[in-house]
Amino acid sequence: MAKKEFTFKGKTPEELKKLSINELAQIFTARQRRVLKRGFTEQQKILLKKLRANEKNIETHCRDMVILPEMIGKIIKVHQGREFVPVSVEPDMIGHCLGEFALTRKRVAHSAPGIGATKSSASLSVK
């Protein structure tokens, strides 16, 4: 069985890379269209400049950066609050934000309750 090729709104990643920012904005959803229409922040422009210069080990705090077709195949380290998490950009991530792929909250795993936490635990021995 042949592997299905990825398309974004009927366009392949190669076709998307040839589009300008304004043409790309017409394909994106309203939220991303608004971001592209208003222009990038200075930090986002610096990130794009690093990506276009093919720098290695790119770290960024721009969690709100919209993933563009030119980012496909790159590894971007996105700040998670304490550390930078490597995010490998795949074609199906186009139109999403970088922060969606670097989760900031960990799963909570509770242990047994402490002494005095419940009425029944008050009668337990301290040993």
N, C-alpha and C. Protein backbone atom coordinates (compact mmCIF):
# COMPACT_ATOMS: atom_id res chain seq x y z
N MET A 1 0.85 -1.18 0.00
CA MET A 1 0.00 0.00 0.00
C MET A 1 0.90 1.25 0.00
N ALA A 2 0.60 2.18 -0.86
CA ALA A 2 1.42 3.40 -0.98
C ALA A 2 1.14 4.34 0.19
N LYS A 3 2.22 5.00 0.62
CA LYS A 3 2.08 5.94 1.73
C LYS A 3 1.42 7.21 1.22
N LYS A 4 0.44 7.69 1.95
CA LYS A 4 -0.28 8.88 1.54
C LYS A 4 0.58 10.11 1.77
N GLU A 5 0.69 10.96 0.75
CA GLU A 5 1.50 12.17 0.86
C GLU A 5 0.71 13.24 1.62
N PHE A 6 1.42 13.99 2.47
CA PHE A 6 0.78 15.03 3.27
C PHE A 6 0.42 16.22 2.39
N THR A 7 -0.78 16.75 2.60
CA THR A 7 -1.19 18.00 1.95
C THR A 7 -1.83 18.89 3.00
N PHE A 8 -1.63 20.19 2.84
CA PHE A 8 -2.25 21.18 3.72
C PHE A 8 -3.19 22.00 2.87
N LYS A 9 -4.48 21.81 3.07
CA LYS A 9 -5.52 22.48 2.29
C LYS A 9 -5.30 22.26 0.79
N GLY A 10 -4.90 21.03 0.44
CA GLY A 10 -4.74 20.66 -0.97
C GLY A 10 -3.39 20.99 -1.57
N LYS A 11 -2.46 21.49 -0.79
CA LYS A 11 -1.13 21.86 -1.31
C LYS A 11 -0.06 21.02 -0.62
N THR A 12 0.93 20.60 -1.39
CA THR A 12 2.04 19.83 -0.84
C THR A 12 3.00 20.78 -0.13
N PRO A 13 3.88 20.26 0.74
CA PRO A 13 4.85 21.14 1.42
C PRO A 13 5.74 21.92 0.45
N GLU A 14 6.09 21.32 -0.70
CA GLU A 14 6.92 22.02 -1.68
C GLU A 14 6.17 23.22 -2.27
N GLU A 15 4.88 23.04 -2.55
CA GLU A 15 4.08 24.15 -3.07
C GLU A 15 3.91 25.24 -2.02
N LEU A 16 3.77 24.82 -0.75
CA LEU A 16 3.61 25.79 0.33
C LEU A 16 4.87 26.64 0.51
N LYS A 17 6.05 26.02 0.33
CA LYS A 17 7.31 26.75 0.51
C LYS A 17 7.47 27.85 -0.54
N LYS A 18 6.85 27.68 -1.70
CA LYS A 18 6.96 28.67 -2.77
C LYS A 18 6.03 29.87 -2.57
N LEU A 19 5.04 29.74 -1.69
CA LEU A 19 4.08 30.81 -1.46
C LEU A 19 4.69 31.94 -0.63
N SER A 20 4.21 33.16 -0.87
CA SER A 20 4.63 34.29 -0.04
C SER A 20 3.85 34.26 1.27
N ILE A 21 4.24 35.13 2.20
CA ILE A 21 3.56 35.18 3.50
C ILE A 21 2.09 35.57 3.31
N ASN A 22 1.81 36.51 2.41
CA ASN A 22 0.42 36.95 2.19
C ASN A 22 -0.43 35.84 1.58
N GLU A 23 0.14 35.09 0.64
CA GLU A 23 -0.60 33.97 0.04
C GLU A 23 -0.82 32.86 1.07
N LEU A 24 0.17 32.66 1.92
CA LEU A 24 0.07 31.65 2.96
C LEU A 24 -1.00 32.03 3.98
N ALA A 25 -1.10 33.33 4.27
CA ALA A 25 -2.09 33.81 5.24
C ALA A 25 -3.51 33.52 4.76
N GLN A 26 -3.73 33.53 3.45
CA GLN A 26 -5.06 33.26 2.92
C GLN A 26 -5.49 31.81 3.17
N ILE A 27 -4.52 30.90 3.30
CA ILE A 27 -4.82 29.49 3.51
C ILE A 27 -5.03 29.18 4.99
N PHE A 28 -4.31 29.90 5.85
CA PHE A 28 -4.35 29.64 7.29
C PHE A 28 -5.70 30.00 7.89
N THR A 29 -5.91 29.56 9.15
CA THR A 29 -7.12 29.91 9.88
C THR A 29 -7.05 31.37 10.31
N ALA A 30 -8.13 31.88 10.85
CA ALA A 30 -8.24 33.30 11.18
C ALA A 30 -7.19 33.74 12.20
N ARG A 31 -6.91 32.91 13.18
CA ARG A 31 -5.95 33.28 14.22
C ARG A 31 -4.55 33.46 13.64
N GLN A 32 -4.11 32.50 12.83
CA GLN A 32 -2.79 32.60 12.21
C GLN A 32 -2.75 33.71 11.17
N ARG A 33 -3.86 33.91 10.47
CA ARG A 33 -3.93 34.98 9.47
C ARG A 33 -3.73 36.33 10.14
N ARG A 34 -4.31 36.50 11.31
CA ARG A 34 -4.17 37.77 12.04
C ARG A 34 -2.72 37.99 12.46
N VAL A 35 -2.06 36.93 12.93
CA VAL A 35 -0.65 37.04 13.35
C VAL A 35 0.21 37.46 12.17
N LEU A 36 0.01 36.81 11.02
CA LEU A 36 0.82 37.12 9.84
C LEU A 36 0.51 38.52 9.30
N LYS A 37 -0.75 38.93 9.38
CA LYS A 37 -1.14 40.26 8.88
C LYS A 37 -0.53 41.38 9.73
N ARG A 38 -0.49 41.18 11.05
CA ARG A 38 0.04 42.20 11.94
C ARG A 38 1.56 42.27 11.90
N GLY A 39 2.19 41.20 11.43
CA GLY A 39 3.64 41.18 11.35
C GLY A 39 4.24 40.46 12.55
N PHE A 40 5.49 40.04 12.37
CA PHE A 40 6.17 39.31 13.42
C PHE A 40 6.80 40.27 14.42
N THR A 41 6.97 39.80 15.67
CA THR A 41 7.67 40.58 16.68
C THR A 41 9.17 40.54 16.38
N GLU A 42 9.94 41.33 17.09
CA GLU A 42 11.38 41.37 16.85
C GLU A 42 12.01 40.00 17.15
N GLN A 43 11.57 39.35 18.22
CA GLN A 43 12.12 38.04 18.58
C GLN A 43 11.78 37.00 17.51
N GLN A 44 10.58 37.08 16.95
CA GLN A 44 10.19 36.15 15.90
C GLN A 44 10.99 36.39 14.63
N LYS A 45 11.29 37.66 14.34
CA LYS A 45 12.12 37.97 13.17
C LYS A 45 13.53 37.42 13.33
N ILE A 46 14.07 37.50 14.56
CA ILE A 46 15.40 36.95 14.83
C ILE A 46 15.38 35.43 14.64
N LEU A 47 14.33 34.77 15.11
CA LEU A 47 14.19 33.33 14.94
C LEU A 47 14.15 32.95 13.46
N LEU A 48 13.38 33.69 12.67
CA LEU A 48 13.29 33.41 11.23
C LEU A 48 14.63 33.62 10.54
N LYS A 49 15.36 34.65 10.97
CA LYS A 49 16.67 34.92 10.38
C LYS A 49 17.63 33.76 10.66
N LYS A 50 17.58 33.22 11.90
CA LYS A 50 18.43 32.08 12.25
C LYS A 50 18.05 30.84 11.45
N LEU A 51 16.74 30.64 11.26
CA LEU A 51 16.28 29.49 10.48
C LEU A 51 16.72 29.59 9.03
N ARG A 52 16.63 30.78 8.47
CA ARG A 52 17.01 30.98 7.06
C ARG A 52 18.51 30.88 6.87
N ALA A 53 19.29 31.15 7.93
CA ALA A 53 20.75 31.05 7.85
C ALA A 53 21.22 29.61 8.12
N ASN A 54 20.27 28.68 8.30
CA ASN A 54 20.57 27.26 8.57
C ASN A 54 21.49 27.08 9.77
N GLU A 55 21.26 27.86 10.83
CA GLU A 55 22.04 27.70 12.06
C GLU A 55 21.64 26.40 12.74
N LYS A 56 22.59 25.83 13.45
CA LYS A 56 22.33 24.63 14.24
C LYS A 56 22.01 25.07 15.67
N ASN A 57 21.31 24.21 16.40
CA ASN A 57 21.05 24.43 17.83
C ASN A 57 20.32 25.76 18.08
N ILE A 58 19.18 25.93 17.44
CA ILE A 58 18.39 27.16 17.60
C ILE A 58 17.52 27.03 18.84
N GLU A 59 17.67 27.99 19.77
CA GLU A 59 16.85 28.03 20.98
C GLU A 59 15.99 29.28 20.94
N THR A 60 14.74 29.16 21.38
CA THR A 60 13.85 30.31 21.33
C THR A 60 12.87 30.30 22.49
N HIS A 61 12.42 31.50 22.85
CA HIS A 61 11.37 31.67 23.84
C HIS A 61 10.04 31.98 23.13
N CYS A 62 10.05 32.06 21.81
CA CYS A 62 8.87 32.43 21.02
C CYS A 62 7.92 31.24 20.89
N ARG A 63 7.17 30.99 21.94
CA ARG A 63 6.23 29.89 21.92
C ARG A 63 5.01 30.20 21.05
N ASP A 64 4.78 31.49 20.77
CA ASP A 64 3.63 31.90 19.96
C ASP A 64 3.95 31.99 18.48
N MET A 65 5.14 31.57 18.07
CA MET A 65 5.53 31.64 16.66
C MET A 65 4.75 30.62 15.85
N VAL A 66 4.11 31.08 14.77
CA VAL A 66 3.35 30.20 13.90
C VAL A 66 4.35 29.38 13.07
N ILE A 67 4.12 28.08 12.96
CA ILE A 67 5.02 27.23 12.19
C ILE A 67 4.73 27.42 10.71
N LEU A 68 5.76 27.84 9.98
CA LEU A 68 5.68 28.12 8.56
C LEU A 68 6.27 26.95 7.77
N PRO A 69 5.94 26.83 6.49
CA PRO A 69 6.47 25.72 5.69
C PRO A 69 8.00 25.70 5.60
N GLU A 70 8.66 26.84 5.70
CA GLU A 70 10.12 26.86 5.61
C GLU A 70 10.79 26.25 6.84
N MET A 71 10.02 25.99 7.90
CA MET A 71 10.58 25.39 9.12
C MET A 71 10.59 23.87 9.09
N ILE A 72 9.98 23.26 8.07
CA ILE A 72 9.86 21.81 8.00
C ILE A 72 11.24 21.17 7.96
N GLY A 73 11.42 20.15 8.79
CA GLY A 73 12.67 19.42 8.83
C GLY A 73 13.69 19.98 9.80
N LYS A 74 13.43 21.14 10.38
CA LYS A 74 14.37 21.76 11.33
C LYS A 74 14.06 21.28 12.74
N ILE A 75 15.07 21.37 13.60
CA ILE A 75 14.88 21.09 15.02
C ILE A 75 15.06 22.40 15.78
N ILE A 76 14.02 22.83 16.46
CA ILE A 76 14.02 24.09 17.19
C ILE A 76 13.84 23.75 18.66
N LYS A 77 14.69 24.31 19.51
CA LYS A 77 14.56 24.10 20.95
C LYS A 77 13.68 25.21 21.52
N VAL A 78 12.52 24.81 22.04
CA VAL A 78 11.52 25.76 22.55
C VAL A 78 11.59 25.77 24.07
N HIS A 79 11.56 26.96 24.66
CA HIS A 79 11.65 27.09 26.12
C HIS A 79 10.37 26.57 26.76
N GLN A 80 10.57 25.76 27.82
CA GLN A 80 9.45 25.10 28.47
C GLN A 80 9.19 25.68 29.86
N GLY A 81 9.96 26.66 30.27
CA GLY A 81 9.80 27.24 31.59
C GLY A 81 11.07 27.10 32.39
N ARG A 82 11.74 25.95 32.27
CA ARG A 82 12.99 25.73 32.98
C ARG A 82 14.09 25.31 32.01
N GLU A 83 13.71 24.62 30.95
CA GLU A 83 14.69 24.11 30.01
C GLU A 83 14.16 24.25 28.58
N PHE A 84 15.02 23.97 27.61
CA PHE A 84 14.63 24.03 26.22
C PHE A 84 14.36 22.60 25.73
N VAL A 85 13.19 22.40 25.12
CA VAL A 85 12.79 21.09 24.63
C VAL A 85 12.95 21.06 23.11
N PRO A 86 13.68 20.08 22.56
CA PRO A 86 13.82 20.03 21.10
C PRO A 86 12.50 19.63 20.43
N VAL A 87 12.10 20.42 19.45
CA VAL A 87 10.88 20.14 18.69
C VAL A 87 11.29 19.95 17.24
N SER A 88 11.06 18.77 16.71
CA SER A 88 11.34 18.49 15.30
C SER A 88 10.08 18.85 14.51
N VAL A 89 10.21 19.78 13.58
CA VAL A 89 9.05 20.31 12.86
C VAL A 89 8.69 19.37 11.71
N GLU A 90 7.48 18.85 11.74
CA GLU A 90 6.95 17.95 10.72
C GLU A 90 5.95 18.71 9.85
N PRO A 91 5.65 18.20 8.65
CA PRO A 91 4.71 18.91 7.77
C PRO A 91 3.31 19.11 8.35
N ASP A 92 2.84 18.16 9.17
CA ASP A 92 1.49 18.31 9.72
C ASP A 92 1.40 19.32 10.86
N MET A 93 2.51 19.94 11.24
CA MET A 93 2.51 20.98 12.28
C MET A 93 2.27 22.37 11.70
N ILE A 94 2.23 22.51 10.38
CA ILE A 94 2.07 23.82 9.74
C ILE A 94 0.80 24.49 10.24
N GLY A 95 0.91 25.76 10.61
CA GLY A 95 -0.24 26.52 11.08
C GLY A 95 -0.41 26.50 12.59
N HIS A 96 0.26 25.58 13.28
CA HIS A 96 0.19 25.54 14.73
C HIS A 96 1.27 26.45 15.31
N CYS A 97 1.28 26.61 16.64
CA CYS A 97 2.31 27.40 17.31
C CYS A 97 3.36 26.47 17.90
N LEU A 98 4.59 26.98 18.04
CA LEU A 98 5.68 26.17 18.60
C LEU A 98 5.37 25.71 20.02
N GLY A 99 4.72 26.56 20.81
CA GLY A 99 4.44 26.24 22.20
C GLY A 99 3.52 25.06 22.39
N GLU A 100 2.75 24.71 21.36
CA GLU A 100 1.84 23.58 21.47
C GLU A 100 2.59 22.25 21.58
N PHE A 101 3.84 22.24 21.16
CA PHE A 101 4.60 21.00 21.11
C PHE A 101 5.65 20.91 22.21
N ALA A 102 5.70 21.91 23.08
CA ALA A 102 6.59 21.89 24.25
C ALA A 102 5.72 22.16 25.47
N LEU A 103 5.19 21.09 26.04
CA LEU A 103 4.23 21.23 27.13
C LEU A 103 4.91 21.76 28.39
N THR A 104 4.21 22.65 29.10
CA THR A 104 4.79 23.30 30.28
C THR A 104 4.37 22.64 31.58
N ARG A 105 3.39 21.79 31.53
CA ARG A 105 2.91 21.16 32.76
C ARG A 105 3.19 19.68 32.73
N LYS A 106 3.65 19.17 33.87
CA LYS A 106 3.92 17.74 33.98
C LYS A 106 2.70 17.04 34.58
N ARG A 107 2.62 15.76 34.35
CA ARG A 107 1.56 14.96 34.92
C ARG A 107 1.80 14.82 36.42
N VAL A 108 0.76 14.98 37.21
CA VAL A 108 0.88 14.89 38.66
C VAL A 108 0.68 13.44 39.08
N ALA A 109 1.64 12.91 39.84
CA ALA A 109 1.53 11.55 40.37
C ALA A 109 1.54 11.66 41.89
N HIS A 110 0.39 11.44 42.51
CA HIS A 110 0.29 11.55 43.96
C HIS A 110 0.74 10.25 44.61
N SER A 111 1.37 10.38 45.77
CA SER A 111 1.74 9.20 46.54
C SER A 111 0.71 9.02 47.65
N ALA A 112 1.03 8.22 48.65
CA ALA A 112 0.12 7.98 49.76
C ALA A 112 -0.04 9.26 50.59
N PRO A 113 -1.17 9.42 51.26
CA PRO A 113 -1.37 10.63 52.07
C PRO A 113 -0.46 10.64 53.29
N GLY A 114 -0.10 11.81 53.74
CA GLY A 114 0.77 11.94 54.91
C GLY A 114 0.01 11.74 56.21
N ILE A 115 0.75 11.75 57.29
CA ILE A 115 0.13 11.56 58.60
C ILE A 115 -0.69 12.79 58.93
N GLY A 116 -1.92 12.57 59.35
CA GLY A 116 -2.80 13.67 59.70
C GLY A 116 -3.58 14.22 58.52
N ALA A 117 -3.37 13.63 57.34
CA ALA A 117 -4.09 14.12 56.16
C ALA A 117 -5.56 13.71 56.19
N THR A 118 -5.83 12.56 56.77
CA THR A 118 -7.22 12.11 56.89
C THR A 118 -7.47 11.70 58.34
N LYS A 119 -8.76 11.51 58.69
CA LYS A 119 -9.11 11.12 60.05
C LYS A 119 -8.54 9.74 60.39
N SER A 120 -8.53 8.84 59.41
CA SER A 120 -8.06 7.48 59.70
C SER A 120 -6.55 7.44 59.86
N SER A 121 -5.83 8.37 59.24
CA SER A 121 -4.36 8.34 59.33
C SER A 121 -3.87 8.87 60.69
N ALA A 122 -4.73 9.49 61.48
CA ALA A 122 -4.34 10.02 62.79
C ALA A 122 -4.07 8.87 63.77
N SER A 123 -4.72 7.71 63.52
CA SER A 123 -4.55 6.59 64.45
C SER A 123 -3.35 5.71 64.09
N LEU A 124 -2.70 5.97 62.96
CA LEU A 124 -1.53 5.18 62.57
C LEU A 124 -0.33 5.51 63.44
N SER A 125 0.54 4.53 63.60
CA SER A 125 1.76 4.78 64.37
C SER A 125 2.73 5.58 63.52
N VAL A 126 3.59 6.35 64.16
CA VAL A 126 4.53 7.23 63.47
C VAL A 126 5.67 6.43 62.88
N LYS A 127 5.94 5.20 63.41
CA LYS A 127 7.03 4.39 62.89
C LYS A 127 6.76 4.14 61.48
